[in-house]
mmCIF file of all heavy atoms, coordinates in Angstrom:
data_MODEL
# 
_entry.id   MODEL 
# 
loop_
_atom_site.group_PDB 
_atom_site.id 
_atom_site.type_symbol 
_atom_site.label_atom_id 
_atom_site.label_alt_id 
_atom_site.label_comp_id 
_atom_site.label_asym_id 
_atom_site.label_entity_id 
_atom_site.label_seq_id 
_atom_site.pdbx_PDB_ins_code 
_atom_site.Cartn_x 
_atom_site.Cartn_y 
_atom_site.Cartn_z 
_atom_site.occupancy 
_atom_site.B_iso_or_equiv 
_atom_site.pdbx_formal_charge 
_atom_site.auth_seq_id 
_atom_site.auth_comp_id 
_atom_site.auth_asym_id 
_atom_site.auth_atom_id 
_atom_site.pdbx_PDB_model_num 
ATOM 1   N N   . GLY A 1 1  ? 0.803  -1.213  0.000  1.00 0.00 ? 1  GLY A N   1 
ATOM 2   C CA  . GLY A 1 1  ? 0.000  0.000   0.000  1.00 0.00 ? 1  GLY A CA  1 
ATOM 3   C C   . GLY A 1 1  ? 0.836  1.263   0.000  1.00 0.00 ? 1  GLY A C   1 
ATOM 4   O O   . GLY A 1 1  ? 2.024  1.252   0.347  1.00 0.00 ? 1  GLY A O   1 
ATOM 5   N N   . PHE A 1 2  ? 0.200  2.375   -0.376 1.00 0.00 ? 2  PHE A N   1 
ATOM 6   C CA  . PHE A 1 2  ? 0.902  3.660   -0.439 1.00 0.00 ? 2  PHE A CA  1 
ATOM 7   C C   . PHE A 1 2  ? 1.466  4.049   0.919  1.00 0.00 ? 2  PHE A C   1 
ATOM 8   O O   . PHE A 1 2  ? 2.613  4.488   1.020  1.00 0.00 ? 2  PHE A O   1 
ATOM 9   C CB  . PHE A 1 2  ? -0.068 4.743   -0.938 1.00 0.00 ? 2  PHE A CB  1 
ATOM 10  C CG  . PHE A 1 2  ? 0.514  6.127   -0.895 1.00 0.00 ? 2  PHE A CG  1 
ATOM 11  C CD1 . PHE A 1 2  ? 1.332  6.577   -1.923 1.00 0.00 ? 2  PHE A CD1 1 
ATOM 12  C CD2 . PHE A 1 2  ? 0.251  6.985   0.173  1.00 0.00 ? 2  PHE A CD2 1 
ATOM 13  C CE1 . PHE A 1 2  ? 1.877  7.849   -1.884 1.00 0.00 ? 2  PHE A CE1 1 
ATOM 14  C CE2 . PHE A 1 2  ? 0.799  8.253   0.214  1.00 0.00 ? 2  PHE A CE2 1 
ATOM 15  C CZ  . PHE A 1 2  ? 1.614  8.692   -0.814 1.00 0.00 ? 2  PHE A CZ  1 
ATOM 16  N N   . GLU A 1 3  ? 0.680  3.899   1.985  1.00 0.00 ? 3  GLU A N   1 
ATOM 17  C CA  . GLU A 1 3  ? 1.126  4.309   3.317  1.00 0.00 ? 3  GLU A CA  1 
ATOM 18  C C   . GLU A 1 3  ? 2.291  3.446   3.789  1.00 0.00 ? 3  GLU A C   1 
ATOM 19  O O   . GLU A 1 3  ? 3.236  3.938   4.416  1.00 0.00 ? 3  GLU A O   1 
ATOM 20  C CB  . GLU A 1 3  ? -0.036 4.239   4.310  1.00 0.00 ? 3  GLU A CB  1 
ATOM 21  C CG  . GLU A 1 3  ? 0.295  4.767   5.707  1.00 0.00 ? 3  GLU A CG  1 
ATOM 22  C CD  . GLU A 1 3  ? 0.689  6.234   5.712  1.00 0.00 ? 3  GLU A CD  1 
ATOM 23  O OE1 . GLU A 1 3  ? 0.322  6.961   4.769  1.00 0.00 ? 3  GLU A OE1 1 
ATOM 24  O OE2 . GLU A 1 3  ? 1.376  6.641   6.670  1.00 0.00 ? 3  GLU A OE2 1 
ATOM 25  N N   . THR A 1 4  ? 2.225  2.143   3.496  1.00 0.00 ? 4  THR A N   1 
ATOM 26  C CA  . THR A 1 4  ? 3.333  1.256   3.866  1.00 0.00 ? 4  THR A CA  1 
ATOM 27  C C   . THR A 1 4  ? 4.605  1.672   3.153  1.00 0.00 ? 4  THR A C   1 
ATOM 28  O O   . THR A 1 4  ? 5.678  1.765   3.770  1.00 0.00 ? 4  THR A O   1 
ATOM 29  C CB  . THR A 1 4  ? 2.996  -0.204  3.512  1.00 0.00 ? 4  THR A CB  1 
ATOM 30  O OG1 . THR A 1 4  ? 1.890  -0.631  4.311  1.00 0.00 ? 4  THR A OG1 1 
ATOM 31  C CG2 . THR A 1 4  ? 4.179  -1.114  3.776  1.00 0.00 ? 4  THR A CG2 1 
ATOM 32  N N   . MET A 1 5  ? 4.510  1.963   1.841  1.00 0.00 ? 5  MET A N   1 
ATOM 33  C CA  . MET A 1 5  ? 5.702  2.372   1.097  1.00 0.00 ? 5  MET A CA  1 
ATOM 34  C C   . MET A 1 5  ? 6.223  3.701   1.610  1.00 0.00 ? 5  MET A C   1 
ATOM 35  O O   . MET A 1 5  ? 7.449  3.912   1.681  1.00 0.00 ? 5  MET A O   1 
ATOM 36  C CB  . MET A 1 5  ? 5.373  2.466   -0.400 1.00 0.00 ? 5  MET A CB  1 
ATOM 37  C CG  . MET A 1 5  ? 6.609  2.723   -1.269 1.00 0.00 ? 5  MET A CG  1 
ATOM 38  S SD  . MET A 1 5  ? 7.865  1.412   -1.114 1.00 0.00 ? 5  MET A SD  1 
ATOM 39  C CE  . MET A 1 5  ? 7.009  0.041   -1.928 1.00 0.00 ? 5  MET A CE  1 
ATOM 40  N N   . ARG A 1 6  ? 5.336  4.599   1.998  1.00 0.00 ? 6  ARG A N   1 
ATOM 41  C CA  . ARG A 1 6  ? 5.780  5.881   2.549  1.00 0.00 ? 6  ARG A CA  1 
ATOM 42  C C   . ARG A 1 6  ? 6.589  5.667   3.823  1.00 0.00 ? 6  ARG A C   1 
ATOM 43  O O   . ARG A 1 6  ? 7.629  6.302   4.028  1.00 0.00 ? 6  ARG A O   1 
ATOM 44  C CB  . ARG A 1 6  ? 4.575  6.788   2.839  1.00 0.00 ? 6  ARG A CB  1 
ATOM 45  C CG  . ARG A 1 6  ? 4.953  8.216   3.246  1.00 0.00 ? 6  ARG A CG  1 
ATOM 46  C CD  . ARG A 1 6  ? 3.795  8.949   3.874  1.00 0.00 ? 6  ARG A CD  1 
ATOM 47  N NE  . ARG A 1 6  ? 3.436  8.397   5.169  1.00 0.00 ? 6  ARG A NE  1 
ATOM 48  C CZ  . ARG A 1 6  ? 4.099  8.665   6.297  1.00 0.00 ? 6  ARG A CZ  1 
ATOM 49  N NH1 . ARG A 1 6  ? 5.147  9.472   6.283  1.00 0.00 ? 6  ARG A NH1 1 
ATOM 50  N NH2 . ARG A 1 6  ? 3.713  8.125   7.445  1.00 0.00 ? 6  ARG A NH2 1 
ATOM 51  N N   . LYS A 1 7  ? 6.121  4.752   4.687  1.00 0.00 ? 7  LYS A N   1 
ATOM 52  C CA  . LYS A 1 7  ? 6.853  4.459   5.922  1.00 0.00 ? 7  LYS A CA  1 
ATOM 53  C C   . LYS A 1 7  ? 8.203  3.815   5.623  1.00 0.00 ? 7  LYS A C   1 
ATOM 54  O O   . LYS A 1 7  ? 9.202  4.108   6.287  1.00 0.00 ? 7  LYS A O   1 
ATOM 55  C CB  . LYS A 1 7  ? 6.016  3.543   6.811  1.00 0.00 ? 7  LYS A CB  1 
ATOM 56  C CG  . LYS A 1 7  ? 4.800  4.205   7.436  1.00 0.00 ? 7  LYS A CG  1 
ATOM 57  C CD  . LYS A 1 7  ? 4.060  3.232   8.339  1.00 0.00 ? 7  LYS A CD  1 
ATOM 58  C CE  . LYS A 1 7  ? 2.849  3.894   8.992  1.00 0.00 ? 7  LYS A CE  1 
ATOM 59  N NZ  . LYS A 1 7  ? 2.110  2.933   9.863  1.00 0.00 ? 7  LYS A NZ  1 
ATOM 60  N N   . LEU A 1 8  ? 8.219  2.932   4.637  1.00 0.00 ? 8  LEU A N   1 
ATOM 61  C CA  . LEU A 1 8  ? 9.486  2.292   4.278  1.00 0.00 ? 8  LEU A CA  1 
ATOM 62  C C   . LEU A 1 8  ? 10.488 3.320   3.768  1.00 0.00 ? 8  LEU A C   1 
ATOM 63  O O   . LEU A 1 8  ? 11.684 3.250   4.072  1.00 0.00 ? 8  LEU A O   1 
ATOM 64  C CB  . LEU A 1 8  ? 9.256  1.214   3.219  1.00 0.00 ? 8  LEU A CB  1 
ATOM 65  C CG  . LEU A 1 8  ? 8.415  0.009   3.646  1.00 0.00 ? 8  LEU A CG  1 
ATOM 66  C CD1 . LEU A 1 8  ? 8.280  -0.980  2.488  1.00 0.00 ? 8  LEU A CD1 1 
ATOM 67  C CD2 . LEU A 1 8  ? 9.009  -0.686  4.864  1.00 0.00 ? 8  LEU A CD2 1 
ATOM 68  N N   . GLN A 1 9  ? 10.014 4.285   2.994  1.00 0.00 ? 9  GLN A N   1 
ATOM 69  C CA  . GLN A 1 9  ? 10.911 5.301   2.464  1.00 0.00 ? 9  GLN A CA  1 
ATOM 70  C C   . GLN A 1 9  ? 11.316 6.323   3.518  1.00 0.00 ? 9  GLN A C   1 
ATOM 71  O O   . GLN A 1 9  ? 12.326 7.009   3.360  1.00 0.00 ? 9  GLN A O   1 
ATOM 72  C CB  . GLN A 1 9  ? 10.258 5.997   1.267  1.00 0.00 ? 9  GLN A CB  1 
ATOM 73  C CG  . GLN A 1 9  ? 10.152 5.095   0.039  1.00 0.00 ? 9  GLN A CG  1 
ATOM 74  C CD  . GLN A 1 9  ? 9.588  5.822   -1.159 1.00 0.00 ? 9  GLN A CD  1 
ATOM 75  O OE1 . GLN A 1 9  ? 8.496  6.388   -1.118 1.00 0.00 ? 9  GLN A OE1 1 
ATOM 76  N NE2 . GLN A 1 9  ? 10.333 5.812   -2.261 1.00 0.00 ? 9  GLN A NE2 1 
ATOM 77  N N   . ALA A 1 10 ? 10.543 6.429   4.604  1.00 0.00 ? 10 ALA A N   1 
ATOM 78  C CA  . ALA A 1 10 ? 10.883 7.362   5.684  1.00 0.00 ? 10 ALA A CA  1 
ATOM 79  C C   . ALA A 1 10 ? 11.841 6.751   6.702  1.00 0.00 ? 10 ALA A C   1 
ATOM 80  O O   . ALA A 1 10 ? 12.464 7.477   7.469  1.00 0.00 ? 10 ALA A O   1 
ATOM 81  C CB  . ALA A 1 10 ? 9.612  7.823   6.399  1.00 0.00 ? 10 ALA A CB  1 
ATOM 82  N N   . HIS A 1 11 ? 11.954 5.431   6.698  1.00 0.00 ? 11 HIS A N   1 
ATOM 83  C CA  . HIS A 1 11 ? 12.805 4.757   7.674  1.00 0.00 ? 11 HIS A CA  1 
ATOM 84  C C   . HIS A 1 11 ? 14.281 4.944   7.314  1.00 0.00 ? 11 HIS A C   1 
ATOM 85  O O   . HIS A 1 11 ? 14.638 4.883   6.139  1.00 0.00 ? 11 HIS A O   1 
ATOM 86  C CB  . HIS A 1 11 ? 12.462 3.266   7.686  1.00 0.00 ? 11 HIS A CB  1 
ATOM 87  C CG  . HIS A 1 11 ? 13.253 2.478   8.678  1.00 0.00 ? 11 HIS A CG  1 
ATOM 88  N ND1 . HIS A 1 11 ? 13.285 2.775   10.016 1.00 0.00 ? 11 HIS A ND1 1 
ATOM 89  C CD2 . HIS A 1 11 ? 14.052 1.388   8.525  1.00 0.00 ? 11 HIS A CD2 1 
ATOM 90  C CE1 . HIS A 1 11 ? 14.056 1.904   10.649 1.00 0.00 ? 11 HIS A CE1 1 
ATOM 91  N NE2 . HIS A 1 11 ? 14.541 1.064   9.770  1.00 0.00 ? 11 HIS A NE2 1 
ATOM 92  N N   . PRO A 1 12 ? 15.176 5.175   8.275  1.00 0.00 ? 12 PRO A N   1 
ATOM 93  C CA  . PRO A 1 12 ? 16.590 5.416   7.957  1.00 0.00 ? 12 PRO A CA  1 
ATOM 94  C C   . PRO A 1 12 ? 17.368 4.175   7.525  1.00 0.00 ? 12 PRO A C   1 
ATOM 95  O O   . PRO A 1 12 ? 18.466 4.303   7.000  1.00 0.00 ? 12 PRO A O   1 
ATOM 96  C CB  . PRO A 1 12 ? 17.153 5.982   9.267  1.00 0.00 ? 12 PRO A CB  1 
ATOM 97  C CG  . PRO A 1 12 ? 16.249 5.466   10.328 1.00 0.00 ? 12 PRO A CG  1 
ATOM 98  C CD  . PRO A 1 12 ? 14.879 5.405   9.711  1.00 0.00 ? 12 PRO A CD  1 
ATOM 99  N N   . TRP A 1 13 ? 16.861 2.963   7.765  1.00 0.00 ? 13 TRP A N   1 
ATOM 100 C CA  . TRP A 1 13 ? 17.507 1.716   7.335  1.00 0.00 ? 13 TRP A CA  1 
ATOM 101 C C   . TRP A 1 13 ? 18.991 1.666   7.688  1.00 0.00 ? 13 TRP A C   1 
ATOM 102 O O   . TRP A 1 13 ? 19.852 1.647   6.795  1.00 0.00 ? 13 TRP A O   1 
ATOM 103 C CB  . TRP A 1 13 ? 17.316 1.493   5.828  1.00 0.00 ? 13 TRP A CB  1 
ATOM 104 C CG  . TRP A 1 13 ? 15.888 1.336   5.435  1.00 0.00 ? 13 TRP A CG  1 
ATOM 105 C CD1 . TRP A 1 13 ? 15.136 2.224   4.732  1.00 0.00 ? 13 TRP A CD1 1 
ATOM 106 C CD2 . TRP A 1 13 ? 15.015 0.235   5.732  1.00 0.00 ? 13 TRP A CD2 1 
ATOM 107 N NE1 . TRP A 1 13 ? 13.855 1.752   4.576  1.00 0.00 ? 13 TRP A NE1 1 
ATOM 108 C CE2 . TRP A 1 13 ? 13.751 0.530   5.179  1.00 0.00 ? 13 TRP A CE2 1 
ATOM 109 C CE3 . TRP A 1 13 ? 15.183 -0.980  6.413  1.00 0.00 ? 13 TRP A CE3 1 
ATOM 110 C CZ2 . TRP A 1 13 ? 12.659 -0.328  5.285  1.00 0.00 ? 13 TRP A CZ2 1 
ATOM 111 C CZ3 . TRP A 1 13 ? 14.101 -1.834  6.531  1.00 0.00 ? 13 TRP A CZ3 1 
ATOM 112 C CH2 . TRP A 1 13 ? 12.857 -1.504  5.972  1.00 0.00 ? 13 TRP A CH2 1 
ATOM 113 N N   . PRO A 1 14 ? 19.337 1.617   8.967  1.00 0.00 ? 14 PRO A N   1 
ATOM 114 C CA  . PRO A 1 14 ? 20.754 1.548   9.335  1.00 0.00 ? 14 PRO A CA  1 
ATOM 115 C C   . PRO A 1 14 ? 21.446 0.303   8.789  1.00 0.00 ? 14 PRO A C   1 
ATOM 116 O O   . PRO A 1 14 ? 22.663 0.304   8.598  1.00 0.00 ? 14 PRO A O   1 
ATOM 117 C CB  . PRO A 1 14 ? 20.731 1.551   10.871 1.00 0.00 ? 14 PRO A CB  1 
ATOM 118 C CG  . PRO A 1 14 ? 19.332 1.134   11.238 1.00 0.00 ? 14 PRO A CG  1 
ATOM 119 C CD  . PRO A 1 14 ? 18.455 1.648   10.144 1.00 0.00 ? 14 PRO A CD  1 
ATOM 120 N N   . GLY A 1 15 ? 20.678 -0.774  8.539  1.00 0.00 ? 15 GLY A N   1 
ATOM 121 C CA  . GLY A 1 15 ? 21.256 -1.976  7.949  1.00 0.00 ? 15 GLY A CA  1 
ATOM 122 C C   . GLY A 1 15 ? 21.197 -1.993  6.432  1.00 0.00 ? 15 GLY A C   1 
ATOM 123 O O   . GLY A 1 15 ? 21.571 -2.981  5.795  1.00 0.00 ? 15 GLY A O   1 
ATOM 124 N N   . ASN A 1 16 ? 20.705 -0.892  5.840  1.00 0.00 ? 16 ASN A N   1 
ATOM 125 C CA  . ASN A 1 16 ? 20.687 -0.675  4.399  1.00 0.00 ? 16 ASN A CA  1 
ATOM 126 C C   . ASN A 1 16 ? 19.914 -1.755  3.648  1.00 0.00 ? 16 ASN A C   1 
ATOM 127 O O   . ASN A 1 16 ? 18.907 -2.241  4.155  1.00 0.00 ? 16 ASN A O   1 
ATOM 128 C CB  . ASN A 1 16 ? 22.121 -0.515  3.886  1.00 0.00 ? 16 ASN A CB  1 
ATOM 129 C CG  . ASN A 1 16 ? 22.727 0.788   4.369  1.00 0.00 ? 16 ASN A CG  1 
ATOM 130 O OD1 . ASN A 1 16 ? 22.288 1.861   3.971  1.00 0.00 ? 16 ASN A OD1 1 
ATOM 131 N ND2 . ASN A 1 16 ? 23.711 0.697   5.242  1.00 0.00 ? 16 ASN A ND2 1 
ATOM 132 N N   . VAL A 1 17 ? 20.362 -2.122  2.441  1.00 0.00 ? 17 VAL A N   1 
ATOM 133 C CA  . VAL A 1 17 ? 19.591 -3.026  1.590  1.00 0.00 ? 17 VAL A CA  1 
ATOM 134 C C   . VAL A 1 17 ? 19.416 -4.388  2.256  1.00 0.00 ? 17 VAL A C   1 
ATOM 135 O O   . VAL A 1 17 ? 18.368 -5.022  2.132  1.00 0.00 ? 17 VAL A O   1 
ATOM 136 C CB  . VAL A 1 17 ? 20.273 -3.181  0.215  1.00 0.00 ? 17 VAL A CB  1 
ATOM 137 C CG1 . VAL A 1 17 ? 19.492 -4.152  -0.668 1.00 0.00 ? 17 VAL A CG1 1 
ATOM 138 C CG2 . VAL A 1 17 ? 20.379 -1.828  -0.476 1.00 0.00 ? 17 VAL A CG2 1 
ATOM 139 N N   . ARG A 1 18 ? 20.425 -4.832  2.978  1.00 0.00 ? 18 ARG A N   1 
ATOM 140 C CA  . ARG A 1 18 ? 20.320 -6.127  3.654  1.00 0.00 ? 18 ARG A CA  1 
ATOM 141 C C   . ARG A 1 18 ? 19.185 -6.116  4.673  1.00 0.00 ? 18 ARG A C   1 
ATOM 142 O O   . ARG A 1 18 ? 18.411 -7.073  4.788  1.00 0.00 ? 18 ARG A O   1 
ATOM 143 C CB  . ARG A 1 18 ? 21.642 -6.478  4.342  1.00 0.00 ? 18 ARG A CB  1 
ATOM 144 C CG  . ARG A 1 18 ? 21.657 -7.891  4.953  1.00 0.00 ? 18 ARG A CG  1 
ATOM 145 C CD  . ARG A 1 18 ? 22.944 -8.172  5.692  1.00 0.00 ? 18 ARG A CD  1 
ATOM 146 N NE  . ARG A 1 18 ? 24.067 -8.241  4.780  1.00 0.00 ? 18 ARG A NE  1 
ATOM 147 C CZ  . ARG A 1 18 ? 25.191 -7.540  4.922  1.00 0.00 ? 18 ARG A CZ  1 
ATOM 148 N NH1 . ARG A 1 18 ? 25.310 -6.668  5.901  1.00 0.00 ? 18 ARG A NH1 1 
ATOM 149 N NH2 . ARG A 1 18 ? 26.180 -7.684  4.065  1.00 0.00 ? 18 ARG A NH2 1 
ATOM 150 N N   . GLU A 1 19 ? 19.044 -5.021  5.400  1.00 0.00 ? 19 GLU A N   1 
ATOM 151 C CA  . GLU A 1 19 ? 17.962 -4.916  6.384  1.00 0.00 ? 19 GLU A CA  1 
ATOM 152 C C   . GLU A 1 19 ? 16.601 -4.862  5.688  1.00 0.00 ? 19 GLU A C   1 
ATOM 153 O O   . GLU A 1 19 ? 15.627 -5.459  6.157  1.00 0.00 ? 19 GLU A O   1 
ATOM 154 C CB  . GLU A 1 19 ? 18.156 -3.677  7.252  1.00 0.00 ? 19 GLU A CB  1 
ATOM 155 C CG  . GLU A 1 19 ? 17.108 -3.553  8.347  1.00 0.00 ? 19 GLU A CG  1 
ATOM 156 C CD  . GLU A 1 19 ? 17.265 -2.298  9.191  1.00 0.00 ? 19 GLU A CD  1 
ATOM 157 O OE1 . GLU A 1 19 ? 18.229 -1.538  8.979  1.00 0.00 ? 19 GLU A OE1 1 
ATOM 158 O OE2 . GLU A 1 19 ? 16.405 -2.083  10.068 1.00 0.00 ? 19 GLU A OE2 1 
ATOM 159 N N   . LEU A 1 20 ? 16.526 -4.158  4.557  1.00 0.00 ? 20 LEU A N   1 
ATOM 160 C CA  . LEU A 1 20 ? 15.271 -4.088  3.812  1.00 0.00 ? 20 LEU A CA  1 
ATOM 161 C C   . LEU A 1 20 ? 14.864 -5.479  3.329  1.00 0.00 ? 20 LEU A C   1 
ATOM 162 O O   . LEU A 1 20 ? 13.687 -5.852  3.410  1.00 0.00 ? 20 LEU A O   1 
ATOM 163 C CB  . LEU A 1 20 ? 15.414 -3.142  2.623  1.00 0.00 ? 20 LEU A CB  1 
ATOM 164 C CG  . LEU A 1 20 ? 14.200 -3.040  1.687  1.00 0.00 ? 20 LEU A CG  1 
ATOM 165 C CD1 . LEU A 1 20 ? 12.980 -2.496  2.435  1.00 0.00 ? 20 LEU A CD1 1 
ATOM 166 C CD2 . LEU A 1 20 ? 14.521 -2.149  0.483  1.00 0.00 ? 20 LEU A CD2 1 
ATOM 167 N N   . LYS A 1 21 ? 15.805 -6.256  2.843  1.00 0.00 ? 21 LYS A N   1 
ATOM 168 C CA  . LYS A 1 21 ? 15.488 -7.615  2.392  1.00 0.00 ? 21 LYS A CA  1 
ATOM 169 C C   . LYS A 1 21 ? 14.980 -8.472  3.554  1.00 0.00 ? 21 LYS A C   1 
ATOM 170 O O   . LYS A 1 21 ? 14.002 -9.218  3.416  1.00 0.00 ? 21 LYS A O   1 
ATOM 171 C CB  . LYS A 1 21 ? 16.712 -8.288  1.768  1.00 0.00 ? 21 LYS A CB  1 
ATOM 172 C CG  . LYS A 1 21 ? 16.422 -9.687  1.229  1.00 0.00 ? 21 LYS A CG  1 
ATOM 173 C CD  . LYS A 1 21 ? 17.654 -10.344 0.646  1.00 0.00 ? 21 LYS A CD  1 
ATOM 174 C CE  . LYS A 1 21 ? 17.292 -11.668 -0.028 1.00 0.00 ? 21 LYS A CE  1 
ATOM 175 N NZ  . LYS A 1 21 ? 16.554 -12.606 0.847  1.00 0.00 ? 21 LYS A NZ  1 
ATOM 176 N N   . ASN A 1 22 ? 15.634 -8.361  4.700  1.00 0.00 ? 22 ASN A N   1 
ATOM 177 C CA  . ASN A 1 22 ? 15.185 -9.123  5.871  1.00 0.00 ? 22 ASN A CA  1 
ATOM 178 C C   . ASN A 1 22 ? 13.763 -8.723  6.270  1.00 0.00 ? 22 ASN A C   1 
ATOM 179 O O   . ASN A 1 22 ? 12.939 -9.571  6.638  1.00 0.00 ? 22 ASN A O   1 
ATOM 180 C CB  . ASN A 1 22 ? 16.133 -8.900  7.052  1.00 0.00 ? 22 ASN A CB  1 
ATOM 181 C CG  . ASN A 1 22 ? 17.485 -9.540  6.830  1.00 0.00 ? 22 ASN A CG  1 
ATOM 182 O OD1 . ASN A 1 22 ? 17.640 -10.392 5.950  1.00 0.00 ? 22 ASN A OD1 1 
ATOM 183 N ND2 . ASN A 1 22 ? 18.477 -9.131  7.593  1.00 0.00 ? 22 ASN A ND2 1 
ATOM 184 N N   . TYR A 1 23 ? 13.481 -7.404  6.194  1.00 0.00 ? 23 TYR A N   1 
ATOM 185 C CA  . TYR A 1 23 ? 12.133 -6.942  6.513  1.00 0.00 ? 23 TYR A CA  1 
ATOM 186 C C   . TYR A 1 23 ? 11.110 -7.554  5.560  1.00 0.00 ? 23 TYR A C   1 
ATOM 187 O O   . TYR A 1 23 ? 10.049 -8.038  5.980  1.00 0.00 ? 23 TYR A O   1 
ATOM 188 C CB  . TYR A 1 23 ? 12.055 -5.413  6.450  1.00 0.00 ? 23 TYR A CB  1 
ATOM 189 C CG  . TYR A 1 23 ? 10.650 -4.929  6.201  1.00 0.00 ? 23 TYR A CG  1 
ATOM 190 C CD1 . TYR A 1 23 ? 9.694  -4.981  7.209  1.00 0.00 ? 23 TYR A CD1 1 
ATOM 191 C CD2 . TYR A 1 23 ? 10.263 -4.499  4.937  1.00 0.00 ? 23 TYR A CD2 1 
ATOM 192 C CE1 . TYR A 1 23 ? 8.386  -4.586  6.969  1.00 0.00 ? 23 TYR A CE1 1 
ATOM 193 C CE2 . TYR A 1 23 ? 8.966  -4.098  4.695  1.00 0.00 ? 23 TYR A CE2 1 
ATOM 194 C CZ  . TYR A 1 23 ? 8.022  -4.147  5.712  1.00 0.00 ? 23 TYR A CZ  1 
ATOM 195 O OH  . TYR A 1 23 ? 6.737  -3.772  5.474  1.00 0.00 ? 23 TYR A OH  1 
ATOM 196 N N   . VAL A 1 24 ? 11.378 -7.508  4.247  1.00 0.00 ? 24 VAL A N   1 
ATOM 197 C CA  . VAL A 1 24 ? 10.434 -8.043  3.269  1.00 0.00 ? 24 VAL A CA  1 
ATOM 198 C C   . VAL A 1 24 ? 10.204 -9.535  3.511  1.00 0.00 ? 24 VAL A C   1 
ATOM 199 O O   . VAL A 1 24 ? 9.062  -10.018 3.488  1.00 0.00 ? 24 VAL A O   1 
ATOM 200 C CB  . VAL A 1 24 ? 10.927 -7.791  1.831  1.00 0.00 ? 24 VAL A CB  1 
ATOM 201 C CG1 . VAL A 1 24 ? 10.026 -8.509  0.822  1.00 0.00 ? 24 VAL A CG1 1 
ATOM 202 C CG2 . VAL A 1 24 ? 10.947 -6.288  1.530  1.00 0.00 ? 24 VAL A CG2 1 
ATOM 203 N N   . ASP A 1 25 ? 11.272 -10.283 3.765  1.00 0.00 ? 25 ASP A N   1 
ATOM 204 C CA  . ASP A 1 25 ? 11.133 -11.724 4.005  1.00 0.00 ? 25 ASP A CA  1 
ATOM 205 C C   . ASP A 1 25 ? 10.235 -11.993 5.211  1.00 0.00 ? 25 ASP A C   1 
ATOM 206 O O   . ASP A 1 25 ? 9.382  -12.890 5.182  1.00 0.00 ? 25 ASP A O   1 
ATOM 207 C CB  . ASP A 1 25 ? 12.508 -12.368 4.222  1.00 0.00 ? 25 ASP A CB  1 
ATOM 208 C CG  . ASP A 1 25 ? 13.341 -12.407 2.952  1.00 0.00 ? 25 ASP A CG  1 
ATOM 209 O OD1 . ASP A 1 25 ? 12.755 -12.245 1.863  1.00 0.00 ? 25 ASP A OD1 1 
ATOM 210 O OD2 . ASP A 1 25 ? 14.573 -12.586 3.051  1.00 0.00 ? 25 ASP A OD2 1 
ATOM 211 N N   . ARG A 1 26 ? 10.403 -11.214 6.287  1.00 0.00 ? 26 ARG A N   1 
ATOM 212 C CA  . ARG A 1 26 ? 9.579  -11.401 7.478  1.00 0.00 ? 26 ARG A CA  1 
ATOM 213 C C   . ARG A 1 26 ? 8.141  -10.958 7.216  1.00 0.00 ? 26 ARG A C   1 
ATOM 214 O O   . ARG A 1 26 ? 7.189  -11.624 7.598  1.00 0.00 ? 26 ARG A O   1 
ATOM 215 C CB  . ARG A 1 26 ? 10.141 -10.605 8.657  1.00 0.00 ? 26 ARG A CB  1 
ATOM 216 C CG  . ARG A 1 26 ? 11.433 -11.136 9.220  1.00 0.00 ? 26 ARG A CG  1 
ATOM 217 C CD  . ARG A 1 26 ? 11.742 -10.487 10.563 1.00 0.00 ? 26 ARG A CD  1 
ATOM 218 N NE  . ARG A 1 26 ? 11.765 -9.032  10.471 1.00 0.00 ? 26 ARG A NE  1 
ATOM 219 C CZ  . ARG A 1 26 ? 12.833 -8.324  10.163 1.00 0.00 ? 26 ARG A CZ  1 
ATOM 220 N NH1 . ARG A 1 26 ? 13.964 -8.943  9.883  1.00 0.00 ? 26 ARG A NH1 1 
ATOM 221 N NH2 . ARG A 1 26 ? 12.793 -7.008  10.124 1.00 0.00 ? 26 ARG A NH2 1 
ATOM 222 N N   . ALA A 1 27 ? 7.996  -9.803  6.553  1.00 0.00 ? 27 ALA A N   1 
ATOM 223 C CA  . ALA A 1 27 ? 6.664  -9.247  6.346  1.00 0.00 ? 27 ALA A CA  1 
ATOM 224 C C   . ALA A 1 27 ? 5.821  -10.124 5.428  1.00 0.00 ? 27 ALA A C   1 
ATOM 225 O O   . ALA A 1 27 ? 4.599  -10.177 5.575  1.00 0.00 ? 27 ALA A O   1 
ATOM 226 C CB  . ALA A 1 27 ? 6.771  -7.832  5.771  1.00 0.00 ? 27 ALA A CB  1 
ATOM 227 N N   . VAL A 1 28 ? 6.452  -10.817 4.482  1.00 0.00 ? 28 VAL A N   1 
ATOM 228 C CA  . VAL A 1 28 ? 5.712  -11.722 3.596  1.00 0.00 ? 28 VAL A CA  1 
ATOM 229 C C   . VAL A 1 28 ? 5.077  -12.845 4.414  1.00 0.00 ? 28 VAL A C   1 
ATOM 230 O O   . VAL A 1 28 ? 3.914  -13.229 4.204  1.00 0.00 ? 28 VAL A O   1 
ATOM 231 C CB  . VAL A 1 28 ? 6.641  -12.292 2.512  1.00 0.00 ? 28 VAL A CB  1 
ATOM 232 C CG1 . VAL A 1 28 ? 6.003  -13.504 1.834  1.00 0.00 ? 28 VAL A CG1 1 
ATOM 233 C CG2 . VAL A 1 28 ? 6.959  -11.226 1.479  1.00 0.00 ? 28 VAL A CG2 1 
# 
């Protein structure tokens, strides 16, 4: 959803792309 993507883009992601991948795997 739009709001979810907005939150993802607002997050600082200290673990960068690796952290984003881990998030997607868990969220699925």
